Amino acid sequence: MEDMLWLSNKLTTKSIKTQIHDGDIDSANAVFNEALDKGLKPSIVLYNTLVKGLSQHGLILQALQLMNEMSENGCKPNIWTYNLVINGLCKMGCVLDAFNLMNDAIAKGYVPDIFTFNTLIDGCSKQMKLDDALEIVNRMWSEGVTPDVITYNTVLNGLCKAAKSRDVMDTFNAMIQKGCVPNIITYNIVVESLCKARKVSEAFKMSFVPSTK
């Protein structure tokens, strides 16, 4: 019986993935609802697949409704479920709503991971809310999540685009002090920032600093 349930979930998930890939979210919903009508108890993977599709298509309200239905059907959302909706909100430019959703997840006992924070930082940086992005980096430490090179590169790129060369260098130095190893992307951003600030000699020196890929 368990093997049949696993197979049904796997086949339904595959079908929904295909519909989402083809951009047909209505058919994906239809496949899901048909499976429910036939008595299928969806797995967390199946739910998250549809949540991801809905979020990618900007159907955030439907994604949130599906999250509520998950709990009602005995399948508790996980942090990845929240991450998928948070990512969808950030892609739509609704960073404040995404931030509120993360806080809601924390209030319910979920622990944000590196993807949660990096998604929010990317959303803030793209909207030039750079103080908020830097604040999230600080919050990561307080939440026990260590910022990685993607975290810092995202912030640095936003600061560079905003022509905040001093903040770029401050953040870059903080990154080094925290033990996060820069990569070639990091150095390219820093060099670009220095060039924009007309600090060509410093940029030239930085371009020869060894980095990891």
N, C-alpha and C. Protein backbone atom coordinates (compact mmCIF):
# COMPACT_ATOMS: atom_id res chain seq x y z
N MET A 1 0.83 -1.21 0.00
CA MET A 1 0.00 0.00 0.00
C MET A 1 0.87 1.26 0.00
N GLU A 2 1.90 1.25 0.84
CA GLU A 2 2.80 2.41 0.91
C GLU A 2 3.54 2.59 -0.41
N ASP A 3 3.91 1.46 -1.04
CA ASP A 3 4.60 1.54 -2.33
C ASP A 3 3.70 2.16 -3.39
N MET A 4 2.41 1.81 -3.38
CA MET A 4 1.47 2.36 -4.34
C MET A 4 1.27 3.86 -4.11
N LEU A 5 1.22 4.26 -2.83
CA LEU A 5 1.07 5.67 -2.49
C LEU A 5 2.28 6.46 -2.96
N TRP A 6 3.47 5.89 -2.74
CA TRP A 6 4.71 6.55 -3.17
C TRP A 6 4.73 6.70 -4.69
N LEU A 7 4.32 5.64 -5.40
CA LEU A 7 4.32 5.68 -6.86
C LEU A 7 3.31 6.69 -7.38
N SER A 8 2.13 6.73 -6.77
CA SER A 8 1.10 7.68 -7.19
C SER A 8 1.57 9.12 -7.00
N ASN A 9 2.22 9.39 -5.86
CA ASN A 9 2.75 10.72 -5.61
C ASN A 9 3.83 11.09 -6.62
N LYS A 10 4.69 10.11 -6.91
CA LYS A 10 5.78 10.36 -7.85
C LYS A 10 5.26 10.66 -9.25
N LEU A 11 4.30 9.88 -9.71
CA LEU A 11 3.75 10.07 -11.05
C LEU A 11 2.98 11.39 -11.15
N THR A 12 2.23 11.72 -10.10
CA THR A 12 1.48 12.98 -10.09
C THR A 12 2.43 14.17 -10.07
N THR A 13 3.48 14.06 -9.26
CA THR A 13 4.48 15.13 -9.20
C THR A 13 5.14 15.34 -10.56
N LYS A 14 5.48 14.25 -11.22
CA LYS A 14 6.11 14.34 -12.54
C LYS A 14 5.18 15.01 -13.55
N SER A 15 3.90 14.64 -13.50
CA SER A 15 2.92 15.23 -14.42
C SER A 15 2.77 16.73 -14.17
N ILE A 16 2.70 17.12 -12.90
CA ILE A 16 2.55 18.54 -12.56
C ILE A 16 3.79 19.32 -12.97
N LYS A 17 4.97 18.74 -12.76
CA LYS A 17 6.22 19.40 -13.18
C LYS A 17 6.21 19.67 -14.68
N THR A 18 5.72 18.69 -15.44
CA THR A 18 5.66 18.84 -16.90
C THR A 18 4.74 19.99 -17.29
N GLN A 19 3.57 20.05 -16.65
CA GLN A 19 2.61 21.11 -16.96
C GLN A 19 3.18 22.49 -16.60
N ILE A 20 3.85 22.57 -15.45
CA ILE A 20 4.44 23.84 -15.03
C ILE A 20 5.55 24.25 -15.99
N HIS A 21 6.36 23.29 -16.38
CA HIS A 21 7.46 23.57 -17.32
C HIS A 21 6.91 24.11 -18.64
N ASP A 22 5.75 23.61 -19.04
CA ASP A 22 5.12 24.06 -20.28
C ASP A 22 4.34 25.37 -20.09
N GLY A 23 4.33 25.87 -18.86
CA GLY A 23 3.64 27.13 -18.59
C GLY A 23 2.14 27.00 -18.43
N ASP A 24 1.67 25.77 -18.26
CA ASP A 24 0.23 25.52 -18.15
C ASP A 24 -0.14 25.26 -16.70
N ILE A 25 -0.25 26.31 -15.92
CA ILE A 25 -0.52 26.17 -14.49
C ILE A 25 -1.94 25.67 -14.24
N ASP A 26 -2.87 25.99 -15.15
CA ASP A 26 -4.25 25.51 -15.00
C ASP A 26 -4.31 23.99 -15.08
N SER A 27 -3.56 23.42 -16.03
CA SER A 27 -3.53 21.97 -16.16
C SER A 27 -2.84 21.33 -14.95
N ALA A 28 -1.82 22.00 -14.42
CA ALA A 28 -1.14 21.50 -13.23
C ALA A 28 -2.11 21.43 -12.06
N ASN A 29 -2.92 22.47 -11.90
CA ASN A 29 -3.94 22.48 -10.85
C ASN A 29 -4.97 21.38 -11.08
N ALA A 30 -5.33 21.18 -12.34
CA ALA A 30 -6.33 20.16 -12.67
C ALA A 30 -5.82 18.76 -12.33
N VAL A 31 -4.55 18.50 -12.64
CA VAL A 31 -3.95 17.21 -12.32
C VAL A 31 -3.95 16.98 -10.81
N PHE A 32 -3.59 18.03 -10.08
CA PHE A 32 -3.54 17.94 -8.61
C PHE A 32 -4.93 17.66 -8.04
N ASN A 33 -5.92 18.43 -8.49
CA ASN A 33 -7.28 18.26 -7.96
C ASN A 33 -7.87 16.90 -8.33
N GLU A 34 -7.54 16.42 -9.51
CA GLU A 34 -8.01 15.09 -9.92
C GLU A 34 -7.42 14.01 -9.02
N ALA A 35 -6.14 14.19 -8.68
CA ALA A 35 -5.49 13.23 -7.79
C ALA A 35 -6.14 13.23 -6.41
N LEU A 36 -6.50 14.43 -5.93
CA LEU A 36 -7.18 14.53 -4.63
C LEU A 36 -8.54 13.84 -4.68
N ASP A 37 -9.27 14.05 -5.78
CA ASP A 37 -10.59 13.44 -5.93
C ASP A 37 -10.51 11.91 -5.92
N LYS A 38 -9.37 11.40 -6.38
CA LYS A 38 -9.19 9.94 -6.41
C LYS A 38 -8.67 9.39 -5.09
N GLY A 39 -8.53 10.29 -4.10
CA GLY A 39 -8.13 9.84 -2.77
C GLY A 39 -6.65 9.88 -2.47
N LEU A 40 -5.86 10.49 -3.37
CA LEU A 40 -4.42 10.56 -3.12
C LEU A 40 -4.12 11.51 -1.96
N LYS A 41 -3.24 11.08 -1.07
CA LYS A 41 -2.76 11.93 0.01
C LYS A 41 -1.41 12.48 -0.42
N PRO A 42 -1.36 13.75 -0.85
CA PRO A 42 -0.13 14.31 -1.42
C PRO A 42 1.03 14.34 -0.43
N SER A 43 2.22 14.09 -0.95
CA SER A 43 3.44 14.17 -0.15
C SER A 43 3.91 15.62 -0.10
N ILE A 44 4.87 15.90 0.76
CA ILE A 44 5.43 17.25 0.86
C ILE A 44 6.09 17.65 -0.46
N VAL A 45 6.68 16.68 -1.15
CA VAL A 45 7.32 16.96 -2.44
C VAL A 45 6.29 17.39 -3.48
N LEU A 46 5.16 16.71 -3.49
CA LEU A 46 4.09 17.04 -4.43
C LEU A 46 3.53 18.42 -4.14
N TYR A 47 3.26 18.69 -2.87
CA TYR A 47 2.74 20.01 -2.50
C TYR A 47 3.73 21.11 -2.89
N ASN A 48 5.00 20.91 -2.55
CA ASN A 48 6.00 21.93 -2.84
C ASN A 48 6.18 22.17 -4.33
N THR A 49 5.99 21.11 -5.12
CA THR A 49 6.09 21.26 -6.57
C THR A 49 5.02 22.22 -7.09
N LEU A 50 3.80 22.07 -6.59
CA LEU A 50 2.72 22.94 -7.03
C LEU A 50 2.86 24.34 -6.44
N VAL A 51 3.30 24.42 -5.18
CA VAL A 51 3.54 25.73 -4.56
C VAL A 51 4.58 26.51 -5.36
N LYS A 52 5.61 25.82 -5.79
CA LYS A 52 6.66 26.45 -6.59
C LYS A 52 6.10 26.97 -7.91
N GLY A 53 5.29 26.14 -8.57
CA GLY A 53 4.71 26.55 -9.85
C GLY A 53 3.80 27.76 -9.70
N LEU A 54 2.96 27.74 -8.68
CA LEU A 54 2.06 28.87 -8.43
C LEU A 54 2.85 30.15 -8.14
N SER A 55 3.88 30.01 -7.31
CA SER A 55 4.69 31.18 -6.94
C SER A 55 5.44 31.74 -8.14
N GLN A 56 5.97 30.86 -8.98
CA GLN A 56 6.70 31.30 -10.17
C GLN A 56 5.79 32.06 -11.13
N HIS A 57 4.52 31.72 -11.13
CA HIS A 57 3.57 32.38 -12.02
C HIS A 57 2.89 33.58 -11.36
N GLY A 58 3.39 33.96 -10.18
CA GLY A 58 2.85 35.13 -9.50
C GLY A 58 1.52 34.90 -8.82
N LEU A 59 1.11 33.64 -8.70
CA LEU A 59 -0.17 33.31 -8.07
C LEU A 59 0.05 33.07 -6.57
N ILE A 60 0.47 34.12 -5.89
CA ILE A 60 0.88 34.00 -4.49
C ILE A 60 -0.29 33.64 -3.58
N LEU A 61 -1.45 34.24 -3.82
CA LEU A 61 -2.61 33.95 -2.97
C LEU A 61 -2.98 32.47 -3.06
N GLN A 62 -2.92 31.92 -4.27
CA GLN A 62 -3.21 30.49 -4.43
C GLN A 62 -2.16 29.64 -3.73
N ALA A 63 -0.90 30.09 -3.80
CA ALA A 63 0.18 29.35 -3.14
C ALA A 63 -0.02 29.35 -1.63
N LEU A 64 -0.40 30.50 -1.07
CA LEU A 64 -0.64 30.60 0.37
C LEU A 64 -1.85 29.76 0.78
N GLN A 65 -2.87 29.76 -0.06
CA GLN A 65 -4.06 28.95 0.21
C GLN A 65 -3.69 27.46 0.23
N LEU A 66 -2.84 27.07 -0.71
CA LEU A 66 -2.41 25.68 -0.77
C LEU A 66 -1.61 25.31 0.47
N MET A 67 -0.80 26.25 0.98
CA MET A 67 -0.05 26.01 2.21
C MET A 67 -1.00 25.73 3.37
N ASN A 68 -2.10 26.49 3.43
CA ASN A 68 -3.08 26.28 4.50
C ASN A 68 -3.75 24.91 4.35
N GLU A 69 -4.03 24.54 3.11
CA GLU A 69 -4.67 23.24 2.85
C GLU A 69 -3.74 22.09 3.23
N MET A 70 -2.43 22.32 3.09
CA MET A 70 -1.46 21.29 3.45
C MET A 70 -1.64 20.87 4.91
N SER A 71 -1.69 21.86 5.78
CA SER A 71 -1.84 21.58 7.21
C SER A 71 -3.16 20.89 7.50
N GLU A 72 -4.21 21.34 6.82
CA GLU A 72 -5.53 20.74 7.03
C GLU A 72 -5.56 19.28 6.58
N ASN A 73 -4.72 18.95 5.59
CA ASN A 73 -4.68 17.58 5.07
C ASN A 73 -3.59 16.73 5.73
N GLY A 74 -3.03 17.27 6.81
CA GLY A 74 -2.06 16.48 7.57
C GLY A 74 -0.65 16.46 7.01
N CYS A 75 -0.35 17.39 6.10
CA CYS A 75 1.00 17.49 5.54
C CYS A 75 1.56 18.86 5.89
N LYS A 76 2.35 18.92 6.93
CA LYS A 76 2.85 20.19 7.43
C LYS A 76 3.87 20.80 6.48
N PRO A 77 3.72 22.09 6.14
CA PRO A 77 4.72 22.76 5.29
C PRO A 77 6.10 22.72 5.96
N ASN A 78 7.16 22.77 5.16
CA ASN A 78 8.50 22.89 5.73
C ASN A 78 9.08 24.23 5.32
N ILE A 79 10.30 24.51 5.74
CA ILE A 79 10.89 25.83 5.46
C ILE A 79 11.05 26.03 3.96
N TRP A 80 11.22 24.93 3.21
CA TRP A 80 11.35 25.07 1.76
C TRP A 80 10.03 25.54 1.14
N THR A 81 8.91 25.12 1.71
CA THR A 81 7.60 25.60 1.24
C THR A 81 7.55 27.12 1.37
N TYR A 82 7.96 27.60 2.54
CA TYR A 82 7.98 29.05 2.76
C TYR A 82 8.97 29.73 1.82
N ASN A 83 10.12 29.12 1.63
CA ASN A 83 11.14 29.71 0.75
C ASN A 83 10.61 29.92 -0.67
N LEU A 84 9.83 28.96 -1.15
CA LEU A 84 9.29 29.04 -2.51
C LEU A 84 8.37 30.24 -2.66
N VAL A 85 7.53 30.48 -1.65
CA VAL A 85 6.61 31.62 -1.72
C VAL A 85 7.36 32.93 -1.50
N ILE A 86 8.32 32.91 -0.58
CA ILE A 86 9.14 34.10 -0.35
C ILE A 86 9.87 34.50 -1.63
N ASN A 87 10.39 33.51 -2.34
CA ASN A 87 11.08 33.78 -3.61
C ASN A 87 10.11 34.38 -4.63
N GLY A 88 8.90 33.82 -4.69
CA GLY A 88 7.90 34.35 -5.62
C GLY A 88 7.54 35.79 -5.30
N LEU A 89 7.40 36.10 -4.03
CA LEU A 89 7.08 37.47 -3.61
C LEU A 89 8.21 38.44 -3.99
N CYS A 90 9.45 38.01 -3.76
CA CYS A 90 10.59 38.87 -4.09
C CYS A 90 10.69 39.10 -5.59
N LYS A 91 10.40 38.08 -6.38
CA LYS A 91 10.43 38.23 -7.84
C LYS A 91 9.39 39.25 -8.31
N MET A 92 8.29 39.36 -7.55
CA MET A 92 7.24 40.32 -7.88
C MET A 92 7.53 41.70 -7.31
N GLY A 93 8.61 41.82 -6.54
CA GLY A 93 8.95 43.10 -5.94
C GLY A 93 8.27 43.34 -4.61
N CYS A 94 7.61 42.32 -4.07
CA CYS A 94 6.88 42.46 -2.79
C CYS A 94 7.78 42.01 -1.64
N VAL A 95 8.87 42.74 -1.44
CA VAL A 95 9.88 42.34 -0.46
C VAL A 95 9.34 42.42 0.96
N LEU A 96 8.56 43.45 1.26
CA LEU A 96 8.01 43.59 2.60
C LEU A 96 7.10 42.41 2.94
N ASP A 97 6.28 42.01 1.98
CA ASP A 97 5.41 40.85 2.20
C ASP A 97 6.25 39.58 2.40
N ALA A 98 7.34 39.47 1.65
CA ALA A 98 8.22 38.31 1.78
C ALA A 98 8.85 38.29 3.17
N PHE A 99 9.27 39.46 3.63
CA PHE A 99 9.89 39.57 4.95
C PHE A 99 8.88 39.20 6.04
N ASN A 100 7.64 39.67 5.88
CA ASN A 100 6.59 39.35 6.85
C ASN A 100 6.29 37.86 6.86
N LEU A 101 6.36 37.23 5.69
CA LEU A 101 6.11 35.79 5.62
C LEU A 101 7.20 35.02 6.35
N MET A 102 8.45 35.48 6.23
CA MET A 102 9.53 34.84 6.97
C MET A 102 9.30 34.97 8.47
N ASN A 103 8.90 36.15 8.91
CA ASN A 103 8.64 36.35 10.34
C ASN A 103 7.49 35.47 10.82
N ASP A 104 6.50 35.28 9.94
CA ASP A 104 5.39 34.39 10.27
C ASP A 104 5.87 32.95 10.43
N ALA A 105 6.79 32.56 9.55
CA ALA A 105 7.36 31.21 9.63
C ALA A 105 8.12 31.02 10.94
N ILE A 106 8.90 32.04 11.31
CA ILE A 106 9.67 31.97 12.56
C ILE A 106 8.73 31.87 13.76
N ALA A 107 7.64 32.65 13.73
CA ALA A 107 6.67 32.63 14.83
C ALA A 107 6.02 31.25 14.98
N LYS A 108 5.97 30.50 13.87
CA LYS A 108 5.36 29.17 13.90
C LYS A 108 6.39 28.07 14.19
N GLY A 109 7.63 28.50 14.47
CA GLY A 109 8.65 27.53 14.86
C GLY A 109 9.58 27.08 13.75
N TYR A 110 9.44 27.65 12.56
CA TYR A 110 10.33 27.29 11.47
C TYR A 110 11.64 28.07 11.58
N VAL A 111 12.72 27.46 11.12
CA VAL A 111 14.04 28.09 11.18
C VAL A 111 14.48 28.48 9.77
N PRO A 112 14.63 29.77 9.49
CA PRO A 112 15.07 30.21 8.16
C PRO A 112 16.45 29.66 7.84
N ASP A 113 16.70 29.37 6.57
CA ASP A 113 18.01 28.87 6.17
C ASP A 113 18.70 29.89 5.27
N ILE A 114 19.84 29.51 4.73
CA ILE A 114 20.63 30.43 3.92
C ILE A 114 19.85 30.89 2.69
N PHE A 115 19.03 30.00 2.12
CA PHE A 115 18.25 30.37 0.94
C PHE A 115 17.21 31.44 1.29
N THR A 116 16.58 31.31 2.46
CA THR A 116 15.59 32.29 2.89
C THR A 116 16.20 33.69 2.91
N PHE A 117 17.33 33.80 3.59
CA PHE A 117 17.96 35.11 3.75
C PHE A 117 18.53 35.63 2.43
N ASN A 118 19.17 34.76 1.67
CA ASN A 118 19.75 35.21 0.40
C ASN A 118 18.68 35.70 -0.57
N THR A 119 17.52 35.06 -0.53
CA THR A 119 16.41 35.49 -1.38
C THR A 119 15.94 36.88 -0.99
N LEU A 120 15.80 37.12 0.31
CA LEU A 120 15.38 38.43 0.79
C LEU A 120 16.42 39.51 0.47
N ILE A 121 17.68 39.16 0.63
CA ILE A 121 18.76 40.11 0.33
C ILE A 121 18.77 40.46 -1.15
N ASP A 122 18.56 39.46 -1.99
CA ASP A 122 18.50 39.71 -3.44
C ASP A 122 17.32 40.63 -3.77
N GLY A 123 16.18 40.38 -3.13
CA GLY A 123 15.01 41.23 -3.37
C GLY A 123 15.26 42.66 -2.95
N CYS A 124 15.87 42.84 -1.78
CA CYS A 124 16.18 44.20 -1.30
C CYS A 124 17.19 44.90 -2.20
N SER A 125 18.21 44.16 -2.61
CA SER A 125 19.27 44.75 -3.44
C SER A 125 18.74 45.20 -4.79
N LYS A 126 17.85 44.41 -5.37
CA LYS A 126 17.30 44.77 -6.68
C LYS A 126 16.41 46.00 -6.60
N GLN A 127 15.86 46.26 -5.42
CA GLN A 127 15.05 47.46 -5.23
C GLN A 127 15.86 48.60 -4.62
N MET A 128 17.17 48.39 -4.54
CA MET A 128 18.08 49.39 -3.98
C MET A 128 17.78 49.71 -2.51
N LYS A 129 17.19 48.74 -1.81
CA LYS A 129 16.97 48.89 -0.37
C LYS A 129 18.18 48.29 0.33
N LEU A 130 19.30 48.98 0.18
CA LEU A 130 20.58 48.40 0.57
C LEU A 130 20.79 48.39 2.08
N ASP A 131 20.24 49.38 2.77
CA ASP A 131 20.32 49.36 4.24
C ASP A 131 19.59 48.14 4.79
N ASP A 132 18.45 47.82 4.17
CA ASP A 132 17.69 46.64 4.59
C ASP A 132 18.49 45.37 4.30
N ALA A 133 19.15 45.34 3.14
CA ALA A 133 19.96 44.18 2.78
C ALA A 133 21.08 43.95 3.79
N LEU A 134 21.75 45.03 4.18
CA LEU A 134 22.83 44.93 5.16
C LEU A 134 22.29 44.52 6.53
N GLU A 135 21.11 45.01 6.85
CA GLU A 135 20.48 44.65 8.13
C GLU A 135 20.16 43.16 8.17
N ILE A 136 19.74 42.62 7.03
CA ILE A 136 19.43 41.18 6.97
C ILE A 136 20.70 40.36 7.17
N VAL A 137 21.82 40.84 6.62
CA VAL A 137 23.10 40.14 6.82
C VAL A 137 23.41 40.06 8.32
N ASN A 138 23.22 41.17 9.02
CA ASN A 138 23.46 41.17 10.46
C ASN A 138 22.49 40.24 11.19
N ARG A 139 21.26 40.21 10.71
CA ARG A 139 20.26 39.35 11.35
C ARG A 139 20.61 37.88 11.16
N MET A 140 21.22 37.56 10.04
CA MET A 140 21.60 36.17 9.78
C MET A 140 22.48 35.64 10.91
N TRP A 141 23.44 36.47 11.32
CA TRP A 141 24.34 36.04 12.39
C TRP A 141 23.55 35.79 13.68
N SER A 142 22.59 36.67 13.98
CA SER A 142 21.81 36.52 15.21
C SER A 142 20.90 35.30 15.15
N GLU A 143 20.53 34.88 13.92
CA GLU A 143 19.67 33.71 13.75
C GLU A 143 20.49 32.42 13.61
N GLY A 144 21.81 32.56 13.70
CA GLY A 144 22.67 31.37 13.62
C GLY A 144 22.93 30.88 12.22
N VAL A 145 22.71 31.75 11.22
CA VAL A 145 22.95 31.38 9.82
C VAL A 145 24.16 32.16 9.32
N THR A 146 25.16 31.46 8.82
CA THR A 146 26.40 32.11 8.37
C THR A 146 26.27 32.58 6.92
N PRO A 147 26.42 33.88 6.68
CA PRO A 147 26.38 34.39 5.30
C PRO A 147 27.46 33.73 4.45
N ASP A 148 27.13 33.42 3.20
CA ASP A 148 28.11 32.81 2.31
C ASP A 148 28.53 33.81 1.23
N VAL A 149 29.33 33.35 0.29
CA VAL A 149 29.85 34.25 -0.74
C VAL A 149 28.72 34.80 -1.61
N ILE A 150 27.65 34.03 -1.78
CA ILE A 150 26.50 34.52 -2.55
C ILE A 150 25.84 35.67 -1.81
N THR A 151 25.72 35.54 -0.50
CA THR A 151 25.15 36.61 0.32
C THR A 151 25.91 37.91 0.10
N TYR A 152 27.22 37.84 0.29
CA TYR A 152 28.04 39.05 0.18
C TYR A 152 28.09 39.59 -1.24
N ASN A 153 28.19 38.71 -2.22
CA ASN A 153 28.24 39.18 -3.61
C ASN A 153 26.96 39.91 -3.99
N THR A 154 25.83 39.43 -3.49
CA THR A 154 24.55 40.08 -3.79
C THR A 154 24.51 41.49 -3.21
N VAL A 155 24.95 41.62 -1.96
CA VAL A 155 24.98 42.94 -1.32
C VAL A 155 25.99 43.85 -2.02
N LEU A 156 27.17 43.33 -2.28
CA LEU A 156 28.22 44.12 -2.94
C LEU A 156 27.77 44.61 -4.31
N ASN A 157 27.08 43.76 -5.04
CA ASN A 157 26.61 44.14 -6.37
C ASN A 157 25.61 45.29 -6.29
N GLY A 158 24.72 45.22 -5.30
CA GLY A 158 23.76 46.30 -5.11
C GLY A 158 24.44 47.60 -4.73
N LEU A 159 25.41 47.52 -3.83
CA LEU A 159 26.15 48.71 -3.41
C LEU A 159 26.94 49.31 -4.56
N CYS A 160 27.50 48.44 -5.39
CA CYS A 160 28.27 48.90 -6.55
C CYS A 160 27.37 49.64 -7.53
N LYS A 161 26.20 49.09 -7.80
CA LYS A 161 25.26 49.74 -8.73
C LYS A 161 24.79 51.09 -8.19
N ALA A 162 24.75 51.20 -6.86
CA ALA A 162 24.34 52.46 -6.24
C ALA A 162 25.51 53.43 -6.07
N ALA A 163 26.67 53.03 -6.58
CA ALA A 163 27.89 53.86 -6.51
C ALA A 163 28.28 54.19 -5.07
N LYS A 164 28.09 53.22 -4.19
CA LYS A 164 28.49 53.40 -2.78
C LYS A 164 29.83 52.69 -2.57
N SER A 165 30.88 53.28 -3.10
CA SER A 165 32.19 52.63 -3.10
C SER A 165 32.73 52.40 -1.69
N ARG A 166 32.49 53.35 -0.79
CA ARG A 166 32.98 53.18 0.58
C ARG A 166 32.28 52.01 1.25
N ASP A 167 30.97 51.90 1.04
CA ASP A 167 30.22 50.78 1.62
C ASP A 167 30.64 49.45 1.01
N VAL A 168 31.00 49.50 -0.28
CA VAL A 168 31.49 48.28 -0.93
C VAL A 168 32.75 47.79 -0.23
N MET A 169 33.68 48.69 0.01
CA MET A 169 34.94 48.30 0.65
C MET A 169 34.72 47.88 2.10
N ASP A 170 33.82 48.57 2.81
CA ASP A 170 33.53 48.21 4.20
C ASP A 170 32.94 46.80 4.26
N THR A 171 32.01 46.51 3.34
CA THR A 171 31.36 45.19 3.32
C THR A 171 32.35 44.12 2.89
N PHE A 172 33.20 44.45 1.92
CA PHE A 172 34.22 43.51 1.46
C PHE A 172 35.18 43.17 2.60
N ASN A 173 35.62 44.18 3.34
CA ASN A 173 36.54 43.94 4.46
C ASN A 173 35.86 43.14 5.57
N ALA A 174 34.57 43.43 5.81
CA ALA A 174 33.83 42.68 6.83
C ALA A 174 33.71 41.21 6.42
N MET A 175 33.52 41.00 5.14
CA MET A 175 33.43 39.64 4.59
C MET A 175 34.72 38.87 4.89
N ILE A 176 35.85 39.51 4.64
CA ILE A 176 37.15 38.88 4.88
C ILE A 176 37.33 38.58 6.36
N GLN A 177 36.98 39.56 7.20
CA GLN A 177 37.14 39.41 8.64
C GLN A 177 36.29 38.28 9.20
N LYS A 178 35.13 38.05 8.57
CA LYS A 178 34.23 36.99 9.03
C LYS A 178 34.65 35.61 8.51
N GLY A 179 35.69 35.59 7.68
CA GLY A 179 36.20 34.31 7.20
C GLY A 179 35.52 33.79 5.95
N CYS A 180 34.76 34.64 5.27
CA CYS A 180 34.12 34.23 4.02
C CYS A 180 35.07 34.51 2.86
N VAL A 181 35.44 33.49 2.13
CA VAL A 181 36.44 33.62 1.06
C VAL A 181 35.81 34.20 -0.20
N PRO A 182 36.33 35.33 -0.69
CA PRO A 182 35.80 35.93 -1.92
C PRO A 182 36.09 35.04 -3.13
N ASN A 183 35.28 35.17 -4.17
CA ASN A 183 35.57 34.48 -5.42
C ASN A 183 35.79 35.51 -6.53
N ILE A 184 35.94 35.05 -7.74
CA ILE A 184 36.25 35.95 -8.85
C ILE A 184 35.15 36.98 -9.05
N ILE A 185 33.90 36.59 -8.78
CA ILE A 185 32.78 37.52 -8.91
C ILE A 185 32.91 38.65 -7.90
N THR A 186 33.31 38.29 -6.68
CA THR A 186 33.50 39.30 -5.64
C THR A 186 34.51 40.35 -6.08
N TYR A 187 35.66 39.88 -6.55
CA TYR A 187 36.72 40.81 -6.94
C TYR A 187 36.31 41.65 -8.15
N ASN A 188 35.58 41.07 -9.07
CA ASN A 188 35.11 41.84 -10.23
C ASN A 188 34.20 42.99 -9.79
N ILE A 189 33.34 42.71 -8.81
CA ILE A 189 32.44 43.75 -8.30
C ILE A 189 33.23 44.86 -7.62
N VAL A 190 34.19 44.46 -6.79
CA VAL A 190 35.00 45.45 -6.06
C VAL A 190 35.82 46.30 -7.03
N VAL A 191 36.41 45.66 -8.03
CA VAL A 191 37.20 46.39 -9.03
C VAL A 191 36.32 47.38 -9.78
N GLU A 192 35.14 46.94 -10.17
CA GLU A 192 34.20 47.83 -10.88
C GLU A 192 33.83 49.03 -10.00
N SER A 193 33.60 48.77 -8.72
CA SER A 193 33.24 49.84 -7.79
C SER A 193 34.37 50.86 -7.66
N LEU A 194 35.60 50.36 -7.55
CA LEU A 194 36.75 51.25 -7.43
C LEU A 194 36.94 52.08 -8.70
N CYS A 195 36.71 51.46 -9.84
CA CYS A 195 36.83 52.20 -11.11
C CYS A 195 35.78 53.30 -11.20
N LYS A 196 34.56 52.99 -10.76
CA LYS A 196 33.50 53.99 -10.77
C LYS A 196 33.86 55.17 -9.87
N ALA A 197 34.59 54.87 -8.79
CA ALA A 197 35.00 55.92 -7.85
C ALA A 197 36.30 56.59 -8.29
N ARG A 198 36.78 56.21 -9.49
CA ARG A 198 38.01 56.76 -10.07
C ARG A 198 39.24 56.45 -9.23
N LYS A 199 39.19 55.32 -8.56
CA LYS A 199 40.35 54.85 -7.79
C LYS A 199 41.02 53.75 -8.61
N VAL A 200 41.56 54.17 -9.74
CA VAL A 200 42.07 53.23 -10.73
C VAL A 200 43.26 52.44 -10.20
N SER A 201 44.16 53.10 -9.48
CA SER A 201 45.35 52.41 -8.98
C SER A 201 44.96 51.30 -8.00
N GLU A 202 43.97 51.59 -7.13
CA GLU A 202 43.50 50.57 -6.18
C GLU A 202 42.81 49.43 -6.92
N ALA A 203 42.06 49.79 -7.94
CA ALA A 203 41.38 48.77 -8.74
C ALA A 203 42.39 47.88 -9.44
N PHE A 204 43.47 48.49 -9.93
CA PHE A 204 44.52 47.74 -10.63
C PHE A 204 45.17 46.74 -9.68
N LYS A 205 45.46 47.18 -8.46
CA LYS A 205 46.06 46.29 -7.47
C LYS A 205 45.11 45.15 -7.10
N MET A 206 43.83 45.49 -6.95
CA MET A 206 42.84 44.49 -6.57
C MET A 206 42.66 43.43 -7.65
N SER A 207 42.85 43.82 -8.89
CA SER A 207 42.64 42.88 -10.00
C SER A 207 43.69 41.78 -10.03
N PHE A 208 44.78 41.95 -9.28
CA PHE A 208 45.82 40.93 -9.24
C PHE A 208 45.81 40.11 -7.95
N VAL A 209 44.79 40.34 -7.11
CA VAL A 209 44.68 39.57 -5.87
C VAL A 209 44.18 38.17 -6.20
N PRO A 210 44.87 37.12 -5.72
CA PRO A 210 44.42 35.75 -5.99
C PRO A 210 43.03 35.51 -5.41
N SER A 211 42.23 34.75 -6.10
CA SER A 211 40.89 34.44 -5.61
C SER A 211 40.54 33.01 -5.94
N THR A 212 39.54 32.48 -5.23
CA THR A 212 39.05 31.15 -5.55
C THR A 212 37.92 31.27 -6.54
N LYS A 213 37.69 30.24 -7.32
CA LYS A 213 36.62 30.28 -8.32
C LYS A 213 35.29 29.94 -7.69
